[in-house]
C-alpha cells in the first residue's frame, strides 16, 4: 500500500513543474534566437550557467522528511517551485524571460 502511495506522489510531483514542455525563454530585448546563430550559442551557455546555479541551490536546500507522504509531497512541490524561481531569476539576470508555448 505504501508503494502505491509513493508512485502516486511521484506522479503528482512530476506534473507540478511550472517550466513545462512547450515553454521556453525569449530575449527581453526582442532579439530572435535563430538555430545555429551566435545568439543560440550564447543562450545555451547562459542556460548551462543557470542550470549550475540551480544545482548549487538544490544541493544547499535541506531535504525534510516528515514521515507523512502528504507532507513530503507538499515539501517536494515547494522545493520544485523554489527551483523554478532560481532558474527564472538567473535567466532574467542574463536578459531572458520565460514564455509559455502560446506566448512565444
PDB file of N, CA and C in Angstrom:
ATOM      1  N   UNK A   1       0.822  -1.190   0.000  1.00  0.00           N
ATOM      2  CA  UNK A   1       0.000   0.000   0.000  1.00  0.00           C
ATOM      3  C   UNK A   1       0.872   1.263   0.000  1.00  0.00           C
ATOM      4  N   UNK A   2       1.928   1.238   0.791  1.00  0.00           N
ATOM      5  CA  UNK A   2       2.826   2.389   0.857  1.00  0.00           C
ATOM      6  C   UNK A   2       3.499   2.620  -0.497  1.00  0.00           C
ATOM      7  N   UNK A   3       3.767   1.532  -1.229  1.00  0.00           N
ATOM      8  CA  UNK A   3       4.396   1.643  -2.543  1.00  0.00           C
ATOM      9  C   UNK A   3       3.458   2.350  -3.530  1.00  0.00           C
ATOM     10  N   UNK A   4       2.175   2.044  -3.459  1.00  0.00           N
ATOM     11  CA  UNK A   4       1.196   2.704  -4.332  1.00  0.00           C
ATOM     12  C   UNK A   4       1.153   4.202  -4.023  1.00  0.00           C
ATOM     13  N   UNK A   5       1.156   4.542  -2.751  1.00  0.00           N
ATOM     14  CA  UNK A   5       1.146   5.953  -2.354  1.00  0.00           C
ATOM     15  C   UNK A   5       2.398   6.662  -2.850  1.00  0.00           C
ATOM     16  N   UNK A   6       3.530   5.972  -2.816  1.00  0.00           N
ATOM     17  CA  UNK A   6       4.785   6.551  -3.289  1.00  0.00           C
ATOM     18  C   UNK A   6       4.712   6.848  -4.786  1.00  0.00           C
ATOM     19  N   UNK A   7       4.174   5.896  -5.567  1.00  0.00           N
ATOM     20  CA  UNK A   7       4.035   6.118  -7.009  1.00  0.00           C
ATOM     21  C   UNK A   7       3.055   7.253  -7.302  1.00  0.00           C
ATOM     22  N   UNK A   8       1.983   7.327  -6.534  1.00  0.00           N
ATOM     23  CA  UNK A   8       1.019   8.415  -6.713  1.00  0.00           C
ATOM     24  C   UNK A   8       1.668   9.763  -6.418  1.00  0.00           C
ATOM     25  N   UNK A   9       2.458   9.812  -5.355  1.00  0.00           N
ATOM     26  CA  UNK A   9       3.153  11.050  -5.005  1.00  0.00           C
ATOM     27  C   UNK A   9       4.131  11.454  -6.101  1.00  0.00           C
ATOM     28  N   UNK A  10       4.847  10.484  -6.648  1.00  0.00           N
ATOM     29  CA  UNK A  10       5.798  10.778  -7.723  1.00  0.00           C
ATOM     30  C   UNK A  10       5.080  11.314  -8.953  1.00  0.00           C
ATOM     31  N   UNK A  11       3.918  10.770  -9.260  1.00  0.00           N
ATOM     32  CA  UNK A  11       3.151  11.245 -10.410  1.00  0.00           C
ATOM     33  C   UNK A  11       2.674  12.676 -10.190  1.00  0.00           C
ATOM     34  N   UNK A  12       2.251  12.978  -8.982  1.00  0.00           N
ATOM     35  CA  UNK A  12       1.800  14.334  -8.665  1.00  0.00           C
ATOM     36  C   UNK A  12       2.946  15.320  -8.793  1.00  0.00           C
ATOM     37  N   UNK A  13       4.092  14.967  -8.221  1.00  0.00           N
ATOM     38  CA  UNK A  13       5.253  15.856  -8.244  1.00  0.00           C
ATOM     39  C   UNK A  13       5.723  16.101  -9.669  1.00  0.00           C
ATOM     40  N   UNK A  14       5.747  15.048 -10.486  1.00  0.00           N
ATOM     41  CA  UNK A  14       6.250  15.215 -11.853  1.00  0.00           C
ATOM     42  C   UNK A  14       5.358  16.137 -12.671  1.00  0.00           C
ATOM     43  N   UNK A  15       4.105  16.256 -12.300  1.00  0.00           N
ATOM     44  CA  UNK A  15       3.194  17.134 -13.025  1.00  0.00           C
ATOM     45  C   UNK A  15       3.186  18.561 -12.526  1.00  0.00           C
ATOM     46  N   UNK A  16       3.979  18.879 -11.515  1.00  0.00           N
ATOM     47  CA  UNK A  16       3.914  20.204 -10.902  1.00  0.00           C
ATOM     48  C   UNK A  16       4.987  21.161 -11.377  1.00  0.00           C
ATOM     49  N   UNK A  17       5.846  20.748 -12.240  1.00  0.00           N
ATOM     50  CA  UNK A  17       6.924  21.611 -12.682  1.00  0.00           C
ATOM     51  C   UNK A  17       6.372  22.706 -13.584  1.00  0.00           C
ATOM     52  N   UNK A  18       6.557  23.966 -13.204  1.00  0.00           N
ATOM     53  CA  UNK A  18       5.983  25.067 -13.975  1.00  0.00           C
ATOM     54  C   UNK A  18       6.767  25.358 -15.253  1.00  0.00           C
ATOM     55  N   UNK A  19       7.981  24.858 -15.374  1.00  0.00           N
ATOM     56  CA  UNK A  19       8.744  25.041 -16.604  1.00  0.00           C
ATOM     57  C   UNK A  19       8.384  23.882 -17.538  1.00  0.00           C
ATOM     58  N   UNK A  20       7.172  23.906 -18.031  1.00  0.00           N
ATOM     59  CA  UNK A  20       6.582  22.786 -18.751  1.00  0.00           C
ATOM     60  C   UNK A  20       7.062  22.709 -20.200  1.00  0.00           C
ATOM     61  N   UNK A  21       6.961  21.513 -20.800  1.00  0.00           N
ATOM     62  CA  UNK A  21       7.281  21.374 -22.221  1.00  0.00           C
ATOM     63  C   UNK A  21       6.421  22.318 -23.052  1.00  0.00           C
ATOM     64  N   UNK A  22       6.957  22.798 -24.144  1.00  0.00           N
ATOM     65  CA  UNK A  22       6.245  23.755 -24.971  1.00  0.00           C
ATOM     66  C   UNK A  22       6.480  25.190 -24.536  1.00  0.00           C
ATOM     67  N   UNK A  23       7.165  25.357 -23.429  1.00  0.00           N
ATOM     68  CA  UNK A  23       7.506  26.680 -22.926  1.00  0.00           C
ATOM     69  C   UNK A  23       9.001  26.890 -23.117  1.00  0.00           C
ATOM     70  N   UNK A  24       9.434  28.110 -22.946  1.00  0.00           N
ATOM     71  CA  UNK A  24      10.855  28.366 -23.095  1.00  0.00           C
ATOM     72  C   UNK A  24      11.204  29.796 -22.736  1.00  0.00           C
ATOM     73  N   UNK A  25      12.371  30.202 -23.191  1.00  0.00           N
ATOM     74  CA  UNK A  25      12.876  31.533 -22.887  1.00  0.00           C
ATOM     75  C   UNK A  25      12.988  32.355 -24.160  1.00  0.00           C
ATOM     76  N   UNK A  26      12.736  33.640 -24.024  1.00  0.00           N
ATOM     77  CA  UNK A  26      12.897  34.587 -25.123  1.00  0.00           C
ATOM     78  C   UNK A  26      13.741  35.743 -24.606  1.00  0.00           C
ATOM     79  N   UNK A  27      14.425  36.405 -25.501  1.00  0.00           N
ATOM     80  CA  UNK A  27      15.229  37.572 -25.121  1.00  0.00           C
ATOM     81  C   UNK A  27      14.296  38.712 -24.721  1.00  0.00           C
ATOM     82  N   UNK A  28      14.662  39.412 -23.664  1.00  0.00           N
ATOM     83  CA  UNK A  28      13.850  40.551 -23.229  1.00  0.00           C
ATOM     84  C   UNK A  28      13.976  41.722 -24.192  1.00  0.00           C
ATOM     85  N   UNK A  29      15.066  41.770 -24.960  1.00  0.00           N
ATOM     86  CA  UNK A  29      15.244  42.862 -25.916  1.00  0.00           C
ATOM     87  C   UNK A  29      14.622  42.551 -27.281  1.00  0.00           C
ATOM     88  N   UNK A  30      13.958  41.389 -27.391  1.00  0.00           N
ATOM     89  CA  UNK A  30      13.285  41.031 -28.633  1.00  0.00           C
ATOM     90  C   UNK A  30      14.160  40.359 -29.667  1.00  0.00           C
ATOM     91  N   UNK A  31      15.446  40.159 -29.375  1.00  0.00           N
ATOM     92  CA  UNK A  31      16.346  39.517 -30.319  1.00  0.00           C
ATOM     93  C   UNK A  31      15.880  38.091 -30.581  1.00  0.00           C
ATOM     94  N   UNK A  32      15.782  37.732 -31.862  1.00  0.00           N
ATOM     95  CA  UNK A  32      15.389  36.381 -32.246  1.00  0.00           C
ATOM     96  C   UNK A  32      16.575  35.440 -32.067  1.00  0.00           C
ATOM     97  N   UNK A  33      16.332  34.296 -31.466  1.00  0.00           N
ATOM     98  CA  UNK A  33      17.387  33.300 -31.255  1.00  0.00           C
ATOM     99  C   UNK A  33      17.233  32.237 -32.340  1.00  0.00           C
ATOM    100  N   UNK A  34      17.923  32.449 -33.452  1.00  0.00           N
ATOM    101  CA  UNK A  34      17.835  31.531 -34.584  1.00  0.00           C
ATOM    102  C   UNK A  34      18.704  30.305 -34.342  1.00  0.00           C
ATOM    103  N   UNK A  35      18.243  29.142 -34.770  1.00  0.00           N
ATOM    104  CA  UNK A  35      19.056  27.931 -34.636  1.00  0.00           C
ATOM    105  C   UNK A  35      20.403  28.096 -35.342  1.00  0.00           C
ATOM    106  N   UNK A  36      21.469  27.726 -34.656  1.00  0.00           N
ATOM    107  CA  UNK A  36      22.814  27.797 -35.219  1.00  0.00           C
ATOM    108  C   UNK A  36      23.452  29.179 -35.165  1.00  0.00           C
ATOM    109  N   UNK A  37      22.759  30.154 -34.624  1.00  0.00           N
ATOM    110  CA  UNK A  37      23.275  31.526 -34.596  1.00  0.00           C
ATOM    111  C   UNK A  37      24.148  31.752 -33.355  1.00  0.00           C
ATOM    112  N   UNK A  38      24.923  32.840 -33.357  1.00  0.00           N
ATOM    113  CA  UNK A  38      25.679  33.193 -32.159  1.00  0.00           C
ATOM    114  C   UNK A  38      24.765  33.425 -30.953  1.00  0.00           C
ATOM    115  N   UNK A  39      23.561  33.949 -31.225  1.00  0.00           N
ATOM    116  CA  UNK A  39      22.602  34.160 -30.136  1.00  0.00           C
ATOM    117  C   UNK A  39      22.193  32.836 -29.490  1.00  0.00           C
ATOM    118  N   UNK A  40      22.051  31.793 -30.320  1.00  0.00           N
ATOM    119  CA  UNK A  40      21.710  30.481 -29.770  1.00  0.00           C
ATOM    120  C   UNK A  40      22.864  29.933 -28.939  1.00  0.00           C
ATOM    121  N   UNK A  41      24.087  30.116 -29.415  1.00  0.00           N
ATOM    122  CA  UNK A  41      25.256  29.648 -28.651  1.00  0.00           C
ATOM    123  C   UNK A  41      25.331  30.356 -27.300  1.00  0.00           C
ATOM    124  N   UNK A  42      25.046  31.664 -27.285  1.00  0.00           N
ATOM    125  CA  UNK A  42      25.052  32.414 -26.029  1.00  0.00           C
ATOM    126  C   UNK A  42      23.927  31.931 -25.119  1.00  0.00           C
ATOM    127  N   UNK A  43      22.745  31.691 -25.693  1.00  0.00           N
ATOM    128  CA  UNK A  43      21.627  31.188 -24.907  1.00  0.00           C
ATOM    129  C   UNK A  43      21.978  29.849 -24.262  1.00  0.00           C
ATOM    130  N   UNK A  44      22.570  28.953 -25.021  1.00  0.00           N
ATOM    131  CA  UNK A  44      22.939  27.629 -24.493  1.00  0.00           C
ATOM    132  C   UNK A  44      23.939  27.777 -23.356  1.00  0.00           C
ATOM    133  N   UNK A  45      24.916  28.664 -23.528  1.00  0.00           N
ATOM    134  CA  UNK A  45      25.906  28.892 -22.475  1.00  0.00           C
ATOM    135  C   UNK A  45      25.248  29.505 -21.235  1.00  0.00           C
ATOM    136  N   UNK A  46      24.381  30.489 -21.441  1.00  0.00           N
ATOM    137  CA  UNK A  46      23.685  31.119 -20.313  1.00  0.00           C
ATOM    138  C   UNK A  46      22.804  30.110 -19.584  1.00  0.00           C
ATOM    139  N   UNK A  47      22.100  29.290 -20.338  1.00  0.00           N
ATOM    140  CA  UNK A  47      21.229  28.281 -19.730  1.00  0.00           C
ATOM    141  C   UNK A  47      22.044  27.280 -18.909  1.00  0.00           C
ATOM    142  N   UNK A  48      23.214  26.921 -19.417  1.00  0.00           N
ATOM    143  CA  UNK A  48      24.069  25.976 -18.691  1.00  0.00           C
ATOM    144  C   UNK A  48      24.567  26.586 -17.378  1.00  0.00           C
ATOM    145  N   UNK A  49      24.938  27.851 -17.408  1.00  0.00           N
ATOM    146  CA  UNK A  49      25.357  28.540 -16.182  1.00  0.00           C
ATOM    147  C   UNK A  49      24.209  28.538 -15.178  1.00  0.00           C
ATOM    148  N   UNK A  50      23.001  28.842 -15.656  1.00  0.00           N
ATOM    149  CA  UNK A  50      21.842  28.877 -14.751  1.00  0.00           C
ATOM    150  C   UNK A  50      21.501  27.493 -14.219  1.00  0.00           C
ATOM    151  N   UNK A  51      21.708  26.468 -15.014  1.00  0.00           N
ATOM    152  CA  UNK A  51      21.499  25.100 -14.513  1.00  0.00           C
ATOM    153  C   UNK A  51      22.499  24.791 -13.404  1.00  0.00           C
ATOM    154  N   UNK A  52      23.706  25.315 -13.527  1.00  0.00           N
ATOM    155  CA  UNK A  52      24.694  25.152 -12.467  1.00  0.00           C
ATOM    156  C   UNK A  52      24.270  25.870 -11.195  1.00  0.00           C
ATOM    157  N   UNK A  53      23.738  27.081 -11.349  1.00  0.00           N
ATOM    158  CA  UNK A  53      23.223  27.814 -10.192  1.00  0.00           C
ATOM    159  C   UNK A  53      22.067  27.056  -9.541  1.00  0.00           C
ATOM    160  N   UNK A  54      21.224  26.480 -10.370  1.00  0.00           N
ATOM    161  CA  UNK A  54      20.107  25.692  -9.870  1.00  0.00           C
ATOM    162  C   UNK A  54      20.607  24.475  -9.097  1.00  0.00           C
ATOM    163  N   UNK A  55      21.604  23.801  -9.630  1.00  0.00           N
ATOM    164  CA  UNK A  55      22.159  22.623  -8.949  1.00  0.00           C
ATOM    165  C   UNK A  55      22.755  23.006  -7.598  1.00  0.00           C
ATOM    166  N   UNK A  56      23.443  24.151  -7.555  1.00  0.00           N
ATOM    167  CA  UNK A  56      24.002  24.604  -6.275  1.00  0.00           C
ATOM    168  C   UNK A  56      22.891  24.893  -5.272  1.00  0.00           C
ATOM    169  N   UNK A  57      21.829  25.528  -5.740  1.00  0.00           N
ATOM    170  CA  UNK A  57      20.713  25.848  -4.847  1.00  0.00           C
ATOM    171  C   UNK A  57      20.038  24.572  -4.339  1.00  0.00           C
ATOM    172  N   UNK A  58      19.897  23.595  -5.210  1.00  0.00           N
ATOM    173  CA  UNK A  58      19.259  22.343  -4.803  1.00  0.00           C
ATOM    174  C   UNK A  58      20.122  21.578  -3.811  1.00  0.00           C
ATOM    175  N   UNK A  59      21.426  21.668  -3.963  1.00  0.00           N
ATOM    176  CA  UNK A  59      22.328  20.971  -3.036  1.00  0.00           C
ATOM    177  C   UNK A  59      22.326  21.624  -1.659  1.00  0.00           C
ATOM    178  N   UNK A  60      22.075  22.926  -1.621  1.00  0.00           N
ATOM    179  CA  UNK A  60      22.110  23.623  -0.342  1.00  0.00           C
ATOM    180  C   UNK A  60      20.779  23.553   0.400  1.00  0.00           C
ATOM    181  N   UNK A  61      19.715  23.169  -0.307  1.00  0.00           N
ATOM    182  CA  UNK A  61      18.397  23.093   0.331  1.00  0.00           C
ATOM    183  C   UNK A  61      18.295  21.808   1.155  1.00  0.00           C
ATOM    184  N   UNK A  62      17.825  21.925   2.378  1.00  0.00           N
ATOM    185  CA  UNK A  62      17.681  20.725   3.199  1.00  0.00           C
ATOM    186  C   UNK A  62      16.551  19.834   2.685  1.00  0.00           C
ATOM    187  N   UNK A  63      16.741  18.539   2.813  1.00  0.00           N
ATOM    188  CA  UNK A  63      15.688  17.587   2.479  1.00  0.00           C
ATOM    189  C   UNK A  63      14.995  17.213   3.772  1.00  0.00           C
ATOM    190  N   UNK A  64      13.718  17.482   3.816  1.00  0.00           N
ATOM    191  CA  UNK A  64      12.953  17.248   5.035  1.00  0.00           C
ATOM    192  C   UNK A  64      11.996  16.096   4.794  1.00  0.00           C
ATOM    193  N   UNK A  65      12.052  15.111   5.649  1.00  0.00           N
ATOM    194  CA  UNK A  65      11.116  14.000   5.578  1.00  0.00           C
ATOM    195  C   UNK A  65      10.366  13.936   6.889  1.00  0.00           C
ATOM    196  N   UNK A  66       9.059  14.101   6.792  1.00  0.00           N
ATOM    197  CA  UNK A  66       8.242  14.132   7.999  1.00  0.00           C
ATOM    198  C   UNK A  66       7.696  12.759   8.358  1.00  0.00           C
ATOM    199  N   UNK A  67       7.789  11.823   7.419  1.00  0.00           N
ATOM    200  CA  UNK A  67       7.195  10.521   7.647  1.00  0.00           C
ATOM    201  C   UNK A  67       5.785  10.454   7.092  1.00  0.00           C
ATOM    202  N   UNK A  68       5.226  11.597   6.742  1.00  0.00           N
ATOM    203  CA  UNK A  68       3.889  11.652   6.154  1.00  0.00           C
ATOM    204  C   UNK A  68       4.034  11.877   4.661  1.00  0.00           C
ATOM    205  N   UNK A  69       3.435  11.005   3.859  1.00  0.00           N
ATOM    206  CA  UNK A  69       3.520  11.141   2.403  1.00  0.00           C
ATOM    207  C   UNK A  69       2.954  12.489   1.963  1.00  0.00           C
ATOM    208  N   UNK A  70       1.859  12.900   2.543  1.00  0.00           N
ATOM    209  CA  UNK A  70       1.233  14.168   2.161  1.00  0.00           C
ATOM    210  C   UNK A  70       2.162  15.342   2.407  1.00  0.00           C
ATOM    211  N   UNK A  71       2.785  15.390   3.570  1.00  0.00           N
ATOM    212  CA  UNK A  71       3.708  16.487   3.867  1.00  0.00           C
ATOM    213  C   UNK A  71       4.951  16.410   3.003  1.00  0.00           C
ATOM    214  N   UNK A  72       5.438  15.196   2.732  1.00  0.00           N
ATOM    215  CA  UNK A  72       6.610  15.043   1.872  1.00  0.00           C
ATOM    216  C   UNK A  72       6.309  15.532   0.458  1.00  0.00           C
ATOM    217  N   UNK A  73       5.122  15.222  -0.059  1.00  0.00           N
ATOM    218  CA  UNK A  73       4.734  15.693  -1.392  1.00  0.00           C
ATOM    219  C   UNK A  73       4.642  17.218  -1.398  1.00  0.00           C
ATOM    220  N   UNK A  74       4.032  17.789  -0.369  1.00  0.00           N
ATOM    221  CA  UNK A  74       3.925  19.249  -0.282  1.00  0.00           C
ATOM    222  C   UNK A  74       5.314  19.887  -0.231  1.00  0.00           C
ATOM    223  N   UNK A  75       6.233  19.290   0.522  1.00  0.00           N
ATOM    224  CA  UNK A  75       7.603  19.811   0.593  1.00  0.00           C
ATOM    225  C   UNK A  75       8.291  19.717  -0.762  1.00  0.00           C
ATOM    226  N   UNK A  76       8.070  18.612  -1.489  1.00  0.00           N
ATOM    227  CA  UNK A  76       8.681  18.448  -2.803  1.00  0.00           C
ATOM    228  C   UNK A  76       8.124  19.471  -3.800  1.00  0.00           C
ATOM    229  N   UNK A  77       6.833  19.713  -3.729  1.00  0.00           N
ATOM    230  CA  UNK A  77       6.221  20.708  -4.619  1.00  0.00           C
ATOM    231  C   UNK A  77       6.805  22.088  -4.323  1.00  0.00           C
ATOM    232  N   UNK A  78       6.933  22.418  -3.049  1.00  0.00           N
ATOM    233  CA  UNK A  78       7.505  23.713  -2.665  1.00  0.00           C
ATOM    234  C   UNK A  78       8.949  23.833  -3.151  1.00  0.00           C
ATOM    235  N   UNK A  79       9.721  22.763  -3.017  1.00  0.00           N
ATOM    236  CA  UNK A  79      11.119  22.767  -3.465  1.00  0.00           C
ATOM    237  C   UNK A  79      11.184  22.937  -4.985  1.00  0.00           C
ATOM    238  N   UNK A  80      10.252  22.300  -5.733  1.00  0.00           N
ATOM    239  CA  UNK A  80      10.218  22.465  -7.186  1.00  0.00           C
ATOM    240  C   UNK A  80       9.928  23.915  -7.562  1.00  0.00           C
ATOM    241  N   UNK A  81       9.000  24.535  -6.867  1.00  0.00           N
ATOM    242  CA  UNK A  81       8.668  25.933  -7.149  1.00  0.00           C
ATOM    243  C   UNK A  81       9.857  26.844  -6.868  1.00  0.00           C
ATOM    244  N   UNK A  82      10.557  26.570  -5.772  1.00  0.00           N
ATOM    245  CA  UNK A  82      11.737  27.371  -5.450  1.00  0.00           C
ATOM    246  C   UNK A  82      12.824  27.166  -6.498  1.00  0.00           C
ATOM    247  N   UNK A  83      12.983  25.935  -6.972  1.00  0.00           N
ATOM    248  CA  UNK A  83      13.965  25.656  -8.023  1.00  0.00           C
ATOM    249  C   UNK A  83      13.617  26.418  -9.293  1.00  0.00           C
ATOM    250  N   UNK A  84      12.325  26.437  -9.640  1.00  0.00           N
ATOM    251  CA  UNK A  84      11.898  27.190 -10.820  1.00  0.00           C
ATOM    252  C   UNK A  84      12.263  28.661 -10.673  1.00  0.00           C
ATOM    253  N   UNK A  85      12.075  29.216  -9.484  1.00  0.00           N
ATOM    254  CA  UNK A  85      12.373  30.624  -9.254  1.00  0.00           C
ATOM    255  C   UNK A  85      13.861  30.913  -9.398  1.00  0.00           C
ATOM    256  N   UNK A  86      14.711  29.988  -8.970  1.00  0.00           N
ATOM    257  CA  UNK A  86      16.160  30.163  -9.133  1.00  0.00           C
ATOM    258  C   UNK A  86      16.506  30.217 -10.619  1.00  0.00           C
ATOM    259  N   UNK A  87      15.948  29.288 -11.387  1.00  0.00           N
ATOM    260  CA  UNK A  87      16.234  29.244 -12.820  1.00  0.00           C
ATOM    261  C   UNK A  87      15.692  30.488 -13.520  1.00  0.00           C
ATOM    262  N   UNK A  88      14.463  30.867 -13.220  1.00  0.00           N
ATOM    263  CA  UNK A  88      13.863  32.038 -13.850  1.00  0.00           C
ATOM    264  C   UNK A  88      14.620  33.318 -13.495  1.00  0.00           C
ATOM    265  N   UNK A  89      15.028  33.436 -12.251  1.00  0.00           N
ATOM    266  CA  UNK A  89      15.781  34.609 -11.818  1.00  0.00           C
ATOM    267  C   UNK A  89      17.131  34.708 -12.492  1.00  0.00           C
ATOM    268  N   UNK A  90      17.814  33.587 -12.582  1.00  0.00           N
ATOM    269  CA  UNK A  90      19.134  33.560 -13.224  1.00  0.00           C
ATOM    270  C   UNK A  90      19.011  33.943 -14.702  1.00  0.00           C
ATOM    271  N   UNK A  91      18.029  33.354 -15.380  1.00  0.00           N
ATOM    272  CA  UNK A  91      17.855  33.666 -16.800  1.00  0.00           C
ATOM    273  C   UNK A  91      17.442  35.125 -16.996  1.00  0.00           C
ATOM    274  N   UNK A  92      16.634  35.658 -16.080  1.00  0.00           N
ATOM    275  CA  UNK A  92      16.248  37.068 -16.164  1.00  0.00           C
ATOM    276  C   UNK A  92      17.475  37.964 -16.020  1.00  0.00           C
ATOM    277  N   UNK A  93      18.383  37.594 -15.126  1.00  0.00           N
ATOM    278  CA  UNK A  93      19.621  38.365 -14.956  1.00  0.00           C
ATOM    279  C   UNK A  93      20.449  38.382 -16.234  1.00  0.00           C
ATOM    280  N   UNK A  94      20.278  37.364 -17.064  1.00  0.00           N
ATOM    281  CA  UNK A  94      21.052  37.255 -18.305  1.00  0.00           C
ATOM    282  C   UNK A  94      20.287  37.803 -19.518  1.00  0.00           C
ATOM    283  N   UNK A  95      19.089  38.362 -19.270  1.00  0.00           N
ATOM    284  CA  UNK A  95      18.357  39.005 -20.356  1.00  0.00           C
ATOM    285  C   UNK A  95      17.306  38.149 -21.032  1.00  0.00           C
ATOM    286  N   UNK A  96      16.788  37.144 -20.337  1.00  0.00           N
ATOM    287  CA  UNK A  96      15.757  36.275 -20.914  1.00  0.00           C
ATOM    288  C   UNK A  96      14.505  36.331 -20.049  1.00  0.00           C
ATOM    289  N   UNK A  97      13.368  36.082 -20.681  1.00  0.00           N
ATOM    290  CA  UNK A  97      12.122  35.959 -19.933  1.00  0.00           C
ATOM    291  C   UNK A  97      11.482  34.631 -20.306  1.00  0.00           C
ATOM    292  N   UNK A  98      10.738  34.091 -19.369  1.00  0.00           N
ATOM    293  CA  UNK A  98      10.058  32.815 -19.598  1.00  0.00           C
ATOM    294  C   UNK A  98       8.748  33.068 -20.304  1.00  0.00           C
ATOM    295  N   UNK A  99       8.482  32.279 -21.339  1.00  0.00           N
ATOM    296  CA  UNK A  99       7.212  32.370 -22.056  1.00  0.00           C
ATOM    297  C   UNK A  99       6.612  30.973 -22.185  1.00  0.00           C
ATOM    298  N   UNK A 100       5.285  30.905 -22.055  1.00  0.00           N
ATOM    299  CA  UNK A 100       4.621  29.626 -22.262  1.00  0.00           C
ATOM    300  C   UNK A 100       4.462  29.420 -23.760  1.00  0.00           C
ATOM    301  N   UNK A 101       4.129  28.231 -24.149  1.00  0.00           N
ATOM    302  CA  UNK A 101       4.025  27.877 -25.566  1.00  0.00           C
ATOM    303  C   UNK A 101       3.123  28.790 -26.373  1.00  0.00           C
ATOM    304  N   UNK A 102       2.067  29.325 -25.773  1.00  0.00           N
ATOM    305  CA  UNK A 102       1.152  30.177 -26.530  1.00  0.00           C
ATOM    306  C   UNK A 102       1.522  31.656 -26.471  1.00  0.00           C
ATOM    307  N   UNK A 103       2.612  32.006 -25.780  1.00  0.00           N
ATOM    308  CA  UNK A 103       3.059  33.407 -25.703  1.00  0.00           C
ATOM    309  C   UNK A 103       4.199  33.723 -26.642  1.00  0.00           C
ATOM    310  N   UNK A 104       4.892  32.701 -27.119  1.00  0.00           N
ATOM    311  CA  UNK A 104       6.069  32.948 -27.950  1.00  0.00           C
ATOM    312  C   UNK A 104       5.640  33.354 -29.336  1.00  0.00           C
TER     313      UNK A 104
END
